[in-house]
PDB file of all heavy atoms in Angstrom:
ATOM      1  N   SER A   1       0.850  -1.178   0.000  1.00  0.00           N
ATOM      2  CA  SER A   1       0.000   0.000   0.000  1.00  0.00           C
ATOM      3  C   SER A   1       0.892   1.236   0.000  1.00  0.00           C
ATOM      4  O   SER A   1       2.094   1.147   0.273  1.00  0.00           O
ATOM      5  CB  SER A   1      -0.943   0.013   1.209  1.00  0.00           C
ATOM      6  OG  SER A   1      -0.214   0.039   2.425  1.00  0.00           O
ATOM      7  N   ARG A   2       0.301   2.367  -0.312  1.00  0.00           N
ATOM      8  CA  ARG A   2       1.100   3.586  -0.343  1.00  0.00           C
ATOM      9  C   ARG A   2       0.277   4.801   0.049  1.00  0.00           C
ATOM     10  O   ARG A   2      -0.940   4.832  -0.127  1.00  0.00           O
ATOM     11  CB  ARG A   2       1.729   3.792  -1.727  1.00  0.00           C
ATOM     12  CG  ARG A   2       0.724   4.054  -2.845  1.00  0.00           C
ATOM     13  CD  ARG A   2       1.380   4.013  -4.217  1.00  0.00           C
ATOM     14  NE  ARG A   2       2.280   5.135  -4.441  1.00  0.00           N
ATOM     15  CZ  ARG A   2       2.971   5.342  -5.564  1.00  0.00           C
ATOM     16  NH1 ARG A   2       2.870   4.461  -6.566  1.00  0.00           N
ATOM     17  NH2 ARG A   2       3.764   6.396  -5.688  1.00  0.00           N
ATOM     18  N   ASP A   3       0.968   5.766   0.570  1.00  0.00           N
ATOM     19  CA  ASP A   3       0.401   7.059   0.885  1.00  0.00           C
ATOM     20  C   ASP A   3       1.076   8.041  -0.058  1.00  0.00           C
ATOM     21  O   ASP A   3       2.215   8.453   0.172  1.00  0.00           O
ATOM     22  CB  ASP A   3       0.657   7.427   2.343  1.00  0.00           C
ATOM     23  CG  ASP A   3      -0.012   8.723   2.751  1.00  0.00           C
ATOM     24  OD1 ASP A   3      -0.262   9.580   1.890  1.00  0.00           O
ATOM     25  OD2 ASP A   3      -0.294   8.886   3.960  1.00  0.00           O
ATOM     26  N   ASN A   4       0.391   8.383  -1.128  1.00  0.00           N
ATOM     27  CA  ASN A   4       0.986   9.235  -2.150  1.00  0.00           C
ATOM     28  C   ASN A   4       1.356  10.623  -1.624  1.00  0.00           C
ATOM     29  O   ASN A   4       2.362  11.204  -2.041  1.00  0.00           O
ATOM     30  CB  ASN A   4       0.039   9.375  -3.342  1.00  0.00           C
ATOM     31  CG  ASN A   4      -0.110   8.088  -4.125  1.00  0.00           C
ATOM     32  OD1 ASN A   4       0.834   7.309  -4.245  1.00  0.00           O
ATOM     33  ND2 ASN A   4      -1.297   7.854  -4.669  1.00  0.00           N
ATOM     34  N   ALA A   5       0.543  11.147  -0.731  1.00  0.00           N
ATOM     35  CA  ALA A   5       0.809  12.470  -0.182  1.00  0.00           C
ATOM     36  C   ALA A   5       2.115  12.501   0.602  1.00  0.00           C
ATOM     37  O   ALA A   5       2.791  13.533   0.660  1.00  0.00           O
ATOM     38  CB  ALA A   5      -0.345  12.919   0.703  1.00  0.00           C
ATOM     39  N   LYS A   6       2.467  11.370   1.193  1.00  0.00           N
ATOM     40  CA  LYS A   6       3.685  11.278   1.995  1.00  0.00           C
ATOM     41  C   LYS A   6       4.816  10.569   1.264  1.00  0.00           C
ATOM     42  O   LYS A   6       5.894  10.401   1.826  1.00  0.00           O
ATOM     43  CB  LYS A   6       3.393  10.559   3.306  1.00  0.00           C
ATOM     44  CG  LYS A   6       2.405  11.282   4.201  1.00  0.00           C
ATOM     45  CD  LYS A   6       2.181  10.516   5.493  1.00  0.00           C
ATOM     46  CE  LYS A   6       1.214  11.248   6.401  1.00  0.00           C
ATOM     47  NZ  LYS A   6       0.977  10.508   7.665  1.00  0.00           N
ATOM     48  N   ASN A   7       4.541  10.148   0.031  1.00  0.00           N
ATOM     49  CA  ASN A   7       5.528   9.401  -0.748  1.00  0.00           C
ATOM     50  C   ASN A   7       6.097   8.233   0.054  1.00  0.00           C
ATOM     51  O   ASN A   7       7.316   8.029   0.120  1.00  0.00           O
ATOM     52  CB  ASN A   7       6.650  10.323  -1.233  1.00  0.00           C
ATOM     53  CG  ASN A   7       6.225  11.205  -2.388  1.00  0.00           C
ATOM     54  OD1 ASN A   7       5.509  10.762  -3.285  1.00  0.00           O
ATOM     55  ND2 ASN A   7       6.666  12.454  -2.386  1.00  0.00           N
ATOM     56  N   THR A   8       5.197   7.503   0.645  1.00  0.00           N
ATOM     57  CA  THR A   8       5.570   6.375   1.477  1.00  0.00           C
ATOM     58  C   THR A   8       4.864   5.114   1.002  1.00  0.00           C
ATOM     59  O   THR A   8       3.679   5.146   0.675  1.00  0.00           O
ATOM     60  CB  THR A   8       5.215   6.644   2.948  1.00  0.00           C
ATOM     61  OG1 THR A   8       5.908   7.811   3.396  1.00  0.00           O
ATOM     62  CG2 THR A   8       5.611   5.471   3.825  1.00  0.00           C
ATOM     63  N   VAL A   9       5.594   4.029   0.966  1.00  0.00           N
ATOM     64  CA  VAL A   9       5.033   2.738   0.593  1.00  0.00           C
ATOM     65  C   VAL A   9       5.220   1.773   1.748  1.00  0.00           C
ATOM     66  O   VAL A   9       6.215   1.846   2.480  1.00  0.00           O
ATOM     67  CB  VAL A   9       5.673   2.191  -0.704  1.00  0.00           C
ATOM     68  CG1 VAL A   9       7.155   1.899  -0.507  1.00  0.00           C
ATOM     69  CG2 VAL A   9       4.936   0.959  -1.199  1.00  0.00           C
ATOM     70  N   TYR A  10       4.257   0.876   1.913  1.00  0.00           N
ATOM     71  CA  TYR A  10       4.278  -0.080   3.004  1.00  0.00           C
ATOM     72  C   TYR A  10       4.171  -1.495   2.456  1.00  0.00           C
ATOM     73  O   TYR A  10       3.646  -1.730   1.374  1.00  0.00           O
ATOM     74  CB  TYR A  10       3.113   0.157   3.969  1.00  0.00           C
ATOM     75  CG  TYR A  10       3.016   1.570   4.482  1.00  0.00           C
ATOM     76  CD1 TYR A  10       2.240   2.514   3.820  1.00  0.00           C
ATOM     77  CD2 TYR A  10       3.698   1.964   5.629  1.00  0.00           C
ATOM     78  CE1 TYR A  10       2.149   3.812   4.284  1.00  0.00           C
ATOM     79  CE2 TYR A  10       3.615   3.261   6.095  1.00  0.00           C
ATOM     80  CZ  TYR A  10       2.838   4.184   5.428  1.00  0.00           C
ATOM     81  OH  TYR A  10       2.751   5.475   5.891  1.00  0.00           O
ATOM     82  N   LEU A  11       4.661  -2.421   3.225  1.00  0.00           N
ATOM     83  CA  LEU A  11       4.507  -3.828   2.901  1.00  0.00           C
ATOM     84  C   LEU A  11       4.110  -4.561   4.171  1.00  0.00           C
ATOM     85  O   LEU A  11       4.931  -4.732   5.072  1.00  0.00           O
ATOM     86  CB  LEU A  11       5.795  -4.427   2.327  1.00  0.00           C
ATOM     87  CG  LEU A  11       5.680  -5.867   1.829  1.00  0.00           C
ATOM     88  CD1 LEU A  11       4.781  -5.937   0.596  1.00  0.00           C
ATOM     89  CD2 LEU A  11       7.063  -6.442   1.506  1.00  0.00           C
ATOM     90  N   GLN A  12       2.851  -4.951   4.235  1.00  0.00           N
ATOM     91  CA  GLN A  12       2.361  -5.734   5.356  1.00  0.00           C
ATOM     92  C   GLN A  12       2.603  -7.201   5.045  1.00  0.00           C
ATOM     93  O   GLN A  12       2.097  -7.719   4.053  1.00  0.00           O
ATOM     94  CB  GLN A  12       0.870  -5.482   5.585  1.00  0.00           C
ATOM     95  CG  GLN A  12       0.258  -6.285   6.723  1.00  0.00           C
ATOM     96  CD  GLN A  12       0.810  -5.907   8.068  1.00  0.00           C
ATOM     97  OE1 GLN A  12       0.906  -4.730   8.391  1.00  0.00           O
ATOM     98  NE2 GLN A  12       1.191  -6.909   8.864  1.00  0.00           N
ATOM     99  N   MET A  13       3.359  -7.852   5.884  1.00  0.00           N
ATOM    100  CA  MET A  13       3.726  -9.241   5.667  1.00  0.00           C
ATOM    101  C   MET A  13       3.122 -10.097   6.768  1.00  0.00           C
ATOM    102  O   MET A  13       3.449  -9.940   7.945  1.00  0.00           O
ATOM    103  CB  MET A  13       5.243  -9.401   5.637  1.00  0.00           C
ATOM    104  CG  MET A  13       5.937  -8.515   4.615  1.00  0.00           C
ATOM    105  SD  MET A  13       7.726  -8.801   4.532  1.00  0.00           S
ATOM    106  CE  MET A  13       8.206  -8.187   6.160  1.00  0.00           C
ATOM    107  N   ASN A  14       2.240 -10.999   6.372  1.00  0.00           N
ATOM    108  CA  ASN A  14       1.592 -11.904   7.305  1.00  0.00           C
ATOM    109  C   ASN A  14       1.965 -13.343   6.976  1.00  0.00           C
ATOM    110  O   ASN A  14       2.432 -13.644   5.883  1.00  0.00           O
ATOM    111  CB  ASN A  14       0.070 -11.738   7.247  1.00  0.00           C
ATOM    112  CG  ASN A  14      -0.400 -10.360   7.631  1.00  0.00           C
ATOM    113  OD1 ASN A  14       0.178  -9.711   8.502  1.00  0.00           O
ATOM    114  ND2 ASN A  14      -1.468  -9.894   6.993  1.00  0.00           N
ATOM    115  N   SER A  15       1.724 -14.219   7.925  1.00  0.00           N
ATOM    116  CA  SER A  15       2.015 -15.645   7.747  1.00  0.00           C
ATOM    117  C   SER A  15       3.414 -15.858   7.210  1.00  0.00           C
ATOM    118  O   SER A  15       3.637 -16.605   6.253  1.00  0.00           O
ATOM    119  CB  SER A  15       0.982 -16.274   6.807  1.00  0.00           C
ATOM    120  OG  SER A  15      -0.330 -16.131   7.308  1.00  0.00           O
ATOM    121  N   LEU A  16       4.355 -15.203   7.829  1.00  0.00           N
ATOM    122  CA  LEU A  16       5.727 -15.259   7.355  1.00  0.00           C
ATOM    123  C   LEU A  16       6.310 -16.660   7.460  1.00  0.00           C
ATOM    124  O   LEU A  16       6.011 -17.408   8.391  1.00  0.00           O
ATOM    125  CB  LEU A  16       6.590 -14.275   8.141  1.00  0.00           C
ATOM    126  CG  LEU A  16       6.410 -12.808   7.726  1.00  0.00           C
ATOM    127  CD1 LEU A  16       6.939 -11.875   8.802  1.00  0.00           C
ATOM    128  CD2 LEU A  16       7.121 -12.555   6.395  1.00  0.00           C
ATOM    129  N   LYS A  17       7.127 -16.978   6.478  1.00  0.00           N
ATOM    130  CA  LYS A  17       7.785 -18.269   6.394  1.00  0.00           C
ATOM    131  C   LYS A  17       9.292 -18.070   6.413  1.00  0.00           C
ATOM    132  O   LYS A  17       9.779 -17.005   6.049  1.00  0.00           O
ATOM    133  CB  LYS A  17       7.385 -18.984   5.103  1.00  0.00           C
ATOM    134  CG  LYS A  17       5.891 -19.145   4.900  1.00  0.00           C
ATOM    135  CD  LYS A  17       5.598 -19.733   3.527  1.00  0.00           C
ATOM    136  CE  LYS A  17       4.113 -19.873   3.293  1.00  0.00           C
ATOM    137  NZ  LYS A  17       3.818 -20.418   1.940  1.00  0.00           N
ATOM    138  N   PRO A  18      10.031 -19.096   6.809  1.00  0.00           N
ATOM    139  CA  PRO A  18      11.491 -18.973   6.800  1.00  0.00           C
ATOM    140  C   PRO A  18      12.034 -18.565   5.427  1.00  0.00           C
ATOM    141  O   PRO A  18      13.038 -17.844   5.362  1.00  0.00           O
ATOM    142  CB  PRO A  18      11.960 -20.374   7.190  1.00  0.00           C
ATOM    143  CG  PRO A  18      10.864 -20.883   8.069  1.00  0.00           C
ATOM    144  CD  PRO A  18       9.603 -20.369   7.421  1.00  0.00           C
ATOM    145  N   GLU A  19      11.390 -19.000   4.356  1.00  0.00           N
ATOM    146  CA  GLU A  19      11.845 -18.646   3.023  1.00  0.00           C
ATOM    147  C   GLU A  19      11.628 -17.178   2.674  1.00  0.00           C
ATOM    148  O   GLU A  19      12.095 -16.707   1.637  1.00  0.00           O
ATOM    149  CB  GLU A  19      11.185 -19.539   1.956  1.00  0.00           C
ATOM    150  CG  GLU A  19       9.676 -19.627   2.069  1.00  0.00           C
ATOM    151  CD  GLU A  19       9.216 -20.872   2.801  1.00  0.00           C
ATOM    152  OE1 GLU A  19       9.787 -21.178   3.859  1.00  0.00           O
ATOM    153  OE2 GLU A  19       8.281 -21.539   2.302  1.00  0.00           O
ATOM    154  N   ASP A  20      10.922 -16.449   3.532  1.00  0.00           N
ATOM    155  CA  ASP A  20      10.769 -15.015   3.341  1.00  0.00           C
ATOM    156  C   ASP A  20      11.975 -14.244   3.861  1.00  0.00           C
ATOM    157  O   ASP A  20      12.073 -13.031   3.657  1.00  0.00           O
ATOM    158  CB  ASP A  20       9.512 -14.500   4.049  1.00  0.00           C
ATOM    159  CG  ASP A  20       8.234 -15.037   3.437  1.00  0.00           C
ATOM    160  OD1 ASP A  20       8.140 -15.099   2.200  1.00  0.00           O
ATOM    161  OD2 ASP A  20       7.317 -15.392   4.209  1.00  0.00           O
ATOM    162  N   THR A  21      12.859 -14.938   4.539  1.00  0.00           N
ATOM    163  CA  THR A  21      14.058 -14.299   5.072  1.00  0.00           C
ATOM    164  C   THR A  21      14.879 -13.695   3.944  1.00  0.00           C
ATOM    165  O   THR A  21      15.243 -14.383   2.998  1.00  0.00           O
ATOM    166  CB  THR A  21      14.903 -15.311   5.853  1.00  0.00           C
ATOM    167  OG1 THR A  21      14.187 -15.751   7.005  1.00  0.00           O
ATOM    168  CG2 THR A  21      16.214 -14.687   6.304  1.00  0.00           C
ATOM    169  N   ALA A  22      15.143 -12.409   4.047  1.00  0.00           N
ATOM    170  CA  ALA A  22      15.867 -11.706   3.000  1.00  0.00           C
ATOM    171  C   ALA A  22      16.086 -10.259   3.419  1.00  0.00           C
ATOM    172  O   ALA A  22      15.499  -9.785   4.388  1.00  0.00           O
ATOM    173  CB  ALA A  22      15.086 -11.741   1.683  1.00  0.00           C
ATOM    174  N   VAL A  23      16.928  -9.583   2.669  1.00  0.00           N
ATOM    175  CA  VAL A  23      17.017  -8.141   2.785  1.00  0.00           C
ATOM    176  C   VAL A  23      15.977  -7.571   1.839  1.00  0.00           C
ATOM    177  O   VAL A  23      15.961  -7.911   0.652  1.00  0.00           O
ATOM    178  CB  VAL A  23      18.415  -7.611   2.423  1.00  0.00           C
ATOM    179  CG1 VAL A  23      18.432  -6.088   2.449  1.00  0.00           C
ATOM    180  CG2 VAL A  23      19.457  -8.166   3.388  1.00  0.00           C
ATOM    181  N   TYR A  24      15.117  -6.736   2.358  1.00  0.00           N
ATOM    182  CA  TYR A  24      14.056  -6.146   1.565  1.00  0.00           C
ATOM    183  C   TYR A  24      14.435  -4.729   1.173  1.00  0.00           C
ATOM    184  O   TYR A  24      14.798  -3.909   2.024  1.00  0.00           O
ATOM    185  CB  TYR A  24      12.737  -6.146   2.346  1.00  0.00           C
ATOM    186  CG  TYR A  24      12.101  -7.505   2.407  1.00  0.00           C
ATOM    187  CD1 TYR A  24      12.659  -8.517   3.180  1.00  0.00           C
ATOM    188  CD2 TYR A  24      10.947  -7.798   1.673  1.00  0.00           C
ATOM    189  CE1 TYR A  24      12.092  -9.781   3.220  1.00  0.00           C
ATOM    190  CE2 TYR A  24      10.372  -9.047   1.713  1.00  0.00           C
ATOM    191  CZ  TYR A  24      10.949 -10.042   2.482  1.00  0.00           C
ATOM    192  OH  TYR A  24      10.379 -11.298   2.526  1.00  0.00           O
ATOM    193  N   TYR A  25      14.336  -4.447  -0.127  1.00  0.00           N
ATOM    194  CA  TYR A  25      14.721  -3.160  -0.672  1.00  0.00           C
ATOM    195  C   TYR A  25      13.521  -2.426  -1.243  1.00  0.00           C
ATOM    196  O   TYR A  25      12.668  -3.023  -1.895  1.00  0.00           O
ATOM    197  CB  TYR A  25      15.750  -3.326  -1.790  1.00  0.00           C
ATOM    198  CG  TYR A  25      17.052  -3.955  -1.364  1.00  0.00           C
ATOM    199  CD1 TYR A  25      17.229  -5.333  -1.423  1.00  0.00           C
ATOM    200  CD2 TYR A  25      18.105  -3.170  -0.906  1.00  0.00           C
ATOM    201  CE1 TYR A  25      18.429  -5.920  -1.040  1.00  0.00           C
ATOM    202  CE2 TYR A  25      19.304  -3.741  -0.526  1.00  0.00           C
ATOM    203  CZ  TYR A  25      19.454  -5.120  -0.596  1.00  0.00           C
ATOM    204  OH  TYR A  25      20.646  -5.701  -0.218  1.00  0.00           O
ATOM    205  N   CYS A  26      13.489  -1.154  -1.017  1.00  0.00           N
ATOM    206  CA  CYS A  26      12.466  -0.293  -1.576  1.00  0.00           C
ATOM    207  C   CYS A  26      13.000   0.370  -2.841  1.00  0.00           C
ATOM    208  O   CYS A  26      14.163   0.782  -2.892  1.00  0.00           O
ATOM    209  CB  CYS A  26      12.077   0.774  -0.548  1.00  0.00           C
ATOM    210  SG  CYS A  26      10.881   1.997  -1.121  1.00  0.00           S
ATOM    211  N   LYS A  27      12.170   0.446  -3.861  1.00  0.00           N
ATOM    212  CA  LYS A  27      12.528   1.144  -5.090  1.00  0.00           C
ATOM    213  C   LYS A  27      11.420   2.111  -5.473  1.00  0.00           C
ATOM    214  O   LYS A  27      10.243   1.789  -5.363  1.00  0.00           O
ATOM    215  CB  LYS A  27      12.765   0.154  -6.240  1.00  0.00           C
ATOM    216  CG  LYS A  27      13.323   0.818  -7.492  1.00  0.00           C
ATOM    217  CD  LYS A  27      13.474  -0.152  -8.647  1.00  0.00           C
ATOM    218  CE  LYS A  27      12.158  -0.356  -9.354  1.00  0.00           C
ATOM    219  NZ  LYS A  27      12.323  -1.129 -10.617  1.00  0.00           N
ATOM    220  N   ALA A  28      11.809   3.278  -5.921  1.00  0.00           N
ATOM    221  CA  ALA A  28      10.854   4.279  -6.372  1.00  0.00           C
ATOM    222  C   ALA A  28      11.314   4.873  -7.686  1.00  0.00           C
ATOM    223  O   ALA A  28      12.510   5.079  -7.902  1.00  0.00           O
ATOM    224  CB  ALA A  28      10.685   5.380  -5.331  1.00  0.00           C
ATOM    225  N   ASP A  29      10.365   5.132  -8.556  1.00  0.00           N
ATOM    226  CA  ASP A  29      10.629   5.743  -9.850  1.00  0.00           C
ATOM    227  C   ASP A  29      10.071   7.153  -9.841  1.00  0.00           C
ATOM    228  O   ASP A  29       8.863   7.339  -9.704  1.00  0.00           O
ATOM    229  CB  ASP A  29       9.995   4.909 -10.966  1.00  0.00           C
ATOM    230  CG  ASP A  29      10.138   5.548 -12.332  1.00  0.00           C
ATOM    231  OD1 ASP A  29      11.111   6.304 -12.547  1.00  0.00           O
ATOM    232  OD2 ASP A  29       9.286   5.293 -13.208  1.00  0.00           O
ATOM    233  N   GLU A  30      10.950   8.123  -9.963  1.00  0.00           N
ATOM    234  CA  GLU A  30      10.536   9.512 -10.045  1.00  0.00           C
ATOM    235  C   GLU A  30      10.398   9.892 -11.507  1.00  0.00           C
ATOM    236  O   GLU A  30      11.361   9.797 -12.268  1.00  0.00           O
ATOM    237  CB  GLU A  30      11.539  10.444  -9.359  1.00  0.00           C
ATOM    238  CG  GLU A  30      11.096  11.909  -9.366  1.00  0.00           C
ATOM    239  CD  GLU A  30      12.151  12.856  -8.821  1.00  0.00           C
ATOM    240  OE1 GLU A  30      13.346  12.636  -9.096  1.00  0.00           O
ATOM    241  OE2 GLU A  30      11.776  13.813  -8.110  1.00  0.00           O
ATOM    242  N   TRP A  31       9.211  10.298 -11.892  1.00  0.00           N
ATOM    243  CA  TRP A  31       8.968  10.670 -13.269  1.00  0.00           C
ATOM    244  C   TRP A  31       9.188  12.162 -13.473  1.00  0.00           C
ATOM    245  O   TRP A  31       8.473  12.994 -12.921  1.00  0.00           O
ATOM    246  CB  TRP A  31       7.543  10.288 -13.689  1.00  0.00           C
ATOM    247  CG  TRP A  31       7.250  10.662 -15.108  1.00  0.00           C
ATOM    248  CD1 TRP A  31       6.439  11.655 -15.561  1.00  0.00           C
ATOM    249  CD2 TRP A  31       7.805  10.048 -16.282  1.00  0.00           C
ATOM    250  NE1 TRP A  31       6.436  11.696 -16.929  1.00  0.00           N
ATOM    251  CE2 TRP A  31       7.268  10.725 -17.405  1.00  0.00           C
ATOM    252  CE3 TRP A  31       8.693   8.985 -16.482  1.00  0.00           C
ATOM    253  CZ2 TRP A  31       7.603  10.376 -18.715  1.00  0.00           C
ATOM    254  CZ3 TRP A  31       9.029   8.641 -17.782  1.00  0.00           C
ATOM    255  CH2 TRP A  31       8.483   9.328 -18.874  1.00  0.00           C
ATOM    256  N   ASN A  32      10.195  12.470 -14.278  1.00  0.00           N
ATOM    257  CA  ASN A  32      10.507  13.844 -14.630  1.00  0.00           C
ATOM    258  C   ASN A  32       9.760  14.179 -15.914  1.00  0.00           C
ATOM    259  O   ASN A  32      10.243  13.885 -17.012  1.00  0.00           O
ATOM    260  CB  ASN A  32      12.015  14.013 -14.814  1.00  0.00           C
ATOM    261  CG  ASN A  32      12.429  15.463 -15.011  1.00  0.00           C
ATOM    262  OD1 ASN A  32      11.679  16.277 -15.543  1.00  0.00           O
ATOM    263  ND2 ASN A  32      13.645  15.783 -14.591  1.00  0.00           N
ATOM    264  N   TYR A  33       8.598  14.779 -15.759  1.00  0.00           N
ATOM    265  CA  TYR A  33       7.784  15.072 -16.932  1.00  0.00           C
ATOM    266  C   TYR A  33       8.382  16.164 -17.799  1.00  0.00           C
ATOM    267  O   TYR A  33       8.053  16.275 -18.977  1.00  0.00           O
ATOM    268  CB  TYR A  33       6.358  15.458 -16.513  1.00  0.00           C
ATOM    269  CG  TYR A  33       6.260  16.666 -15.613  1.00  0.00           C
ATOM    270  CD1 TYR A  33       6.218  17.951 -16.147  1.00  0.00           C
ATOM    271  CD2 TYR A  33       6.190  16.522 -14.230  1.00  0.00           C
ATOM    272  CE1 TYR A  33       6.128  19.064 -15.327  1.00  0.00           C
ATOM    273  CE2 TYR A  33       6.096  17.629 -13.409  1.00  0.00           C
ATOM    274  CZ  TYR A  33       6.065  18.888 -13.956  1.00  0.00           C
ATOM    275  OH  TYR A  33       5.967  19.995 -13.139  1.00  0.00           O
ATOM    276  N   ARG A  34       9.264  16.959 -17.230  1.00  0.00           N
ATOM    277  CA  ARG A  34       9.904  18.016 -18.001  1.00  0.00           C
ATOM    278  C   ARG A  34      10.907  17.445 -18.990  1.00  0.00           C
ATOM    279  O   ARG A  34      11.088  17.978 -20.082  1.00  0.00           O
ATOM    280  CB  ARG A  34      10.593  19.010 -17.069  1.00  0.00           C
ATOM    281  CG  ARG A  34       9.637  19.771 -16.168  1.00  0.00           C
ATOM    282  CD  ARG A  34      10.377  20.704 -15.243  1.00  0.00           C
ATOM    283  NE  ARG A  34      11.082  21.752 -15.961  1.00  0.00           N
ATOM    284  CZ  ARG A  34      11.902  22.632 -15.396  1.00  0.00           C
ATOM    285  NH1 ARG A  34      12.118  22.584 -14.086  1.00  0.00           N
ATOM    286  NH2 ARG A  34      12.503  23.553 -16.138  1.00  0.00           N
ATOM    287  N   LYS A  35      11.558  16.373 -18.598  1.00  0.00           N
ATOM    288  CA  LYS A  35      12.545  15.753 -19.463  1.00  0.00           C
ATOM    289  C   LYS A  35      12.007  14.523 -20.183  1.00  0.00           C
ATOM    290  O   LYS A  35      12.631  14.028 -21.112  1.00  0.00           O
ATOM    291  CB  LYS A  35      13.798  15.378 -18.668  1.00  0.00           C
ATOM    292  CG  LYS A  35      14.548  16.580 -18.132  1.00  0.00           C
ATOM    293  CD  LYS A  35      15.848  16.165 -17.473  1.00  0.00           C
ATOM    294  CE  LYS A  35      16.639  17.383 -17.021  1.00  0.00           C
ATOM    295  NZ  LYS A  35      17.934  16.986 -16.398  1.00  0.00           N
ATOM    296  N   GLY A  36      10.890  14.021 -19.727  1.00  0.00           N
ATOM    297  CA  GLY A  36      10.272  12.890 -20.382  1.00  0.00           C
ATOM    298  C   GLY A  36      10.849  11.531 -20.042  1.00  0.00           C
ATOM    299  O   GLY A  36      10.738  10.594 -20.839  1.00  0.00           O
ATOM    300  N   TYR A  37      11.444  11.410 -18.875  1.00  0.00           N
ATOM    301  CA  TYR A  37      11.932  10.115 -18.436  1.00  0.00           C
ATOM    302  C   TYR A  37      11.910  10.006 -16.922  1.00  0.00           C
ATOM    303  O   TYR A  37      11.823  11.009 -16.221  1.00  0.00           O
ATOM    304  CB  TYR A  37      13.351   9.837 -18.958  1.00  0.00           C
ATOM    305  CG  TYR A  37      14.418  10.768 -18.420  1.00  0.00           C
ATOM    306  CD1 TYR A  37      15.019  10.524 -17.194  1.00  0.00           C
ATOM    307  CD2 TYR A  37      14.837  11.872 -19.154  1.00  0.00           C
ATOM    308  CE1 TYR A  37      16.001  11.375 -16.699  1.00  0.00           C
ATOM    309  CE2 TYR A  37      15.813  12.715 -18.673  1.00  0.00           C
ATOM    310  CZ  TYR A  37      16.395  12.462 -17.444  1.00  0.00           C
ATOM    311  OH  TYR A  37      17.377  13.301 -16.965  1.00  0.00           O
ATOM    312  N   GLY A  38      11.971   8.786 -16.459  1.00  0.00           N
ATOM    313  CA  GLY A  38      11.989   8.545 -15.038  1.00  0.00           C
ATOM    314  C   GLY A  38      13.349   8.069 -14.567  1.00  0.00           C
ATOM    315  O   GLY A  38      14.187   7.646 -15.365  1.00  0.00           O
ATOM    316  N   MET A  39      13.561   8.162 -13.278  1.00  0.00           N
ATOM    317  CA  MET A  39      14.807   7.707 -12.685  1.00  0.00           C
ATOM    318  C   MET A  39      14.508   6.859 -11.457  1.00  0.00           C
ATOM    319  O   MET A  39      13.698   7.235 -10.613  1.00  0.00           O
ATOM    320  CB  MET A  39      15.694   8.888 -12.304  1.00  0.00           C
ATOM    321  CG  MET A  39      17.042   8.499 -11.731  1.00  0.00           C
ATOM    322  SD  MET A  39      18.162   9.904 -11.539  1.00  0.00           S
ATOM    323  CE  MET A  39      18.517  10.268 -13.269  1.00  0.00           C
ATOM    324  N   ASP A  40      15.145   5.711 -11.392  1.00  0.00           N
ATOM    325  CA  ASP A  40      14.935   4.790 -10.280  1.00  0.00           C
ATOM    326  C   ASP A  40      15.857   5.109  -9.112  1.00  0.00           C
ATOM    327  O   ASP A  40      17.025   5.445  -9.296  1.00  0.00           O
ATOM    328  CB  ASP A  40      15.174   3.347 -10.715  1.00  0.00           C
ATOM    329  CG  ASP A  40      14.107   2.827 -11.652  1.00  0.00           C
ATOM    330  OD1 ASP A  40      13.011   3.429 -11.710  1.00  0.00           O
ATOM    331  OD2 ASP A  40      14.357   1.819 -12.333  1.00  0.00           O
ATOM    332  N   TYR A  41      15.315   4.954  -7.917  1.00  0.00           N
ATOM    333  CA  TYR A  41      16.080   5.129  -6.699  1.00  0.00           C
ATOM    334  C   TYR A  41      15.865   3.917  -5.806  1.00  0.00           C
ATOM    335  O   TYR A  41      14.777   3.342  -5.766  1.00  0.00           O
ATOM    336  CB  TYR A  41      15.660   6.399  -5.960  1.00  0.00           C
ATOM    337  CG  TYR A  41      15.951   7.667  -6.727  1.00  0.00           C
ATOM    338  CD1 TYR A  41      15.009   8.201  -7.596  1.00  0.00           C
ATOM    339  CD2 TYR A  41      17.164   8.321  -6.592  1.00  0.00           C
ATOM    340  CE1 TYR A  41      15.275   9.355  -8.315  1.00  0.00           C
ATOM    341  CE2 TYR A  41      17.438   9.482  -7.303  1.00  0.00           C
ATOM    342  CZ  TYR A  41      16.495   9.991  -8.160  1.00  0.00           C
ATOM    343  OH  TYR A  41      16.766  11.140  -8.868  1.00  0.00           O
ATOM    344  N   TRP A  42      16.907   3.550  -5.099  1.00  0.00           N
ATOM    345  CA  TRP A  42      16.869   2.379  -4.230  1.00  0.00           C
ATOM    346  C   TRP A  42      17.203   2.740  -2.793  1.00  0.00           C
ATOM    347  O   TRP A  42      18.068   3.573  -2.525  1.00  0.00           O
ATOM    348  CB  TRP A  42      17.877   1.325  -4.695  1.00  0.00           C
ATOM    349  CG  TRP A  42      17.509   0.645  -5.969  1.00  0.00           C
ATOM    350  CD1 TRP A  42      17.772   1.076  -7.238  1.00  0.00           C
ATOM    351  CD2 TRP A  42      16.819  -0.595  -6.106  1.00  0.00           C
ATOM    352  NE1 TRP A  42      17.290   0.178  -8.158  1.00  0.00           N
ATOM    353  CE2 TRP A  42      16.705  -0.864  -7.488  1.00  0.00           C
ATOM    354  CE3 TRP A  42      16.299  -1.516  -5.198  1.00  0.00           C
ATOM    355  CZ2 TRP A  42      16.080  -2.005  -7.971  1.00  0.00           C
ATOM    356  CZ3 TRP A  42      15.680  -2.653  -5.684  1.00  0.00           C
ATOM    357  CH2 TRP A  42      15.576  -2.889  -7.050  1.00  0.00           C
ATOM    358  N   GLY A  43      16.522   2.086  -1.879  1.00  0.00           N
ATOM    359  CA  GLY A  43      16.876   2.201  -0.485  1.00  0.00           C
ATOM    360  C   GLY A  43      18.028   1.268  -0.175  1.00  0.00           C
ATOM    361  O   GLY A  43      18.443   0.462  -1.016  1.00  0.00           O
TER     362      GLY A  43
END
């Protein structure tokens, strides 16, 4: 889910399994409408 006003995204994880063990990374694409392309950013 996301809160667009706050530019925040959430991931609610239920019924977790050992195979879910990992480093979780957030990625966001900022769309530059002035230049006509987007740029990806990683946490």
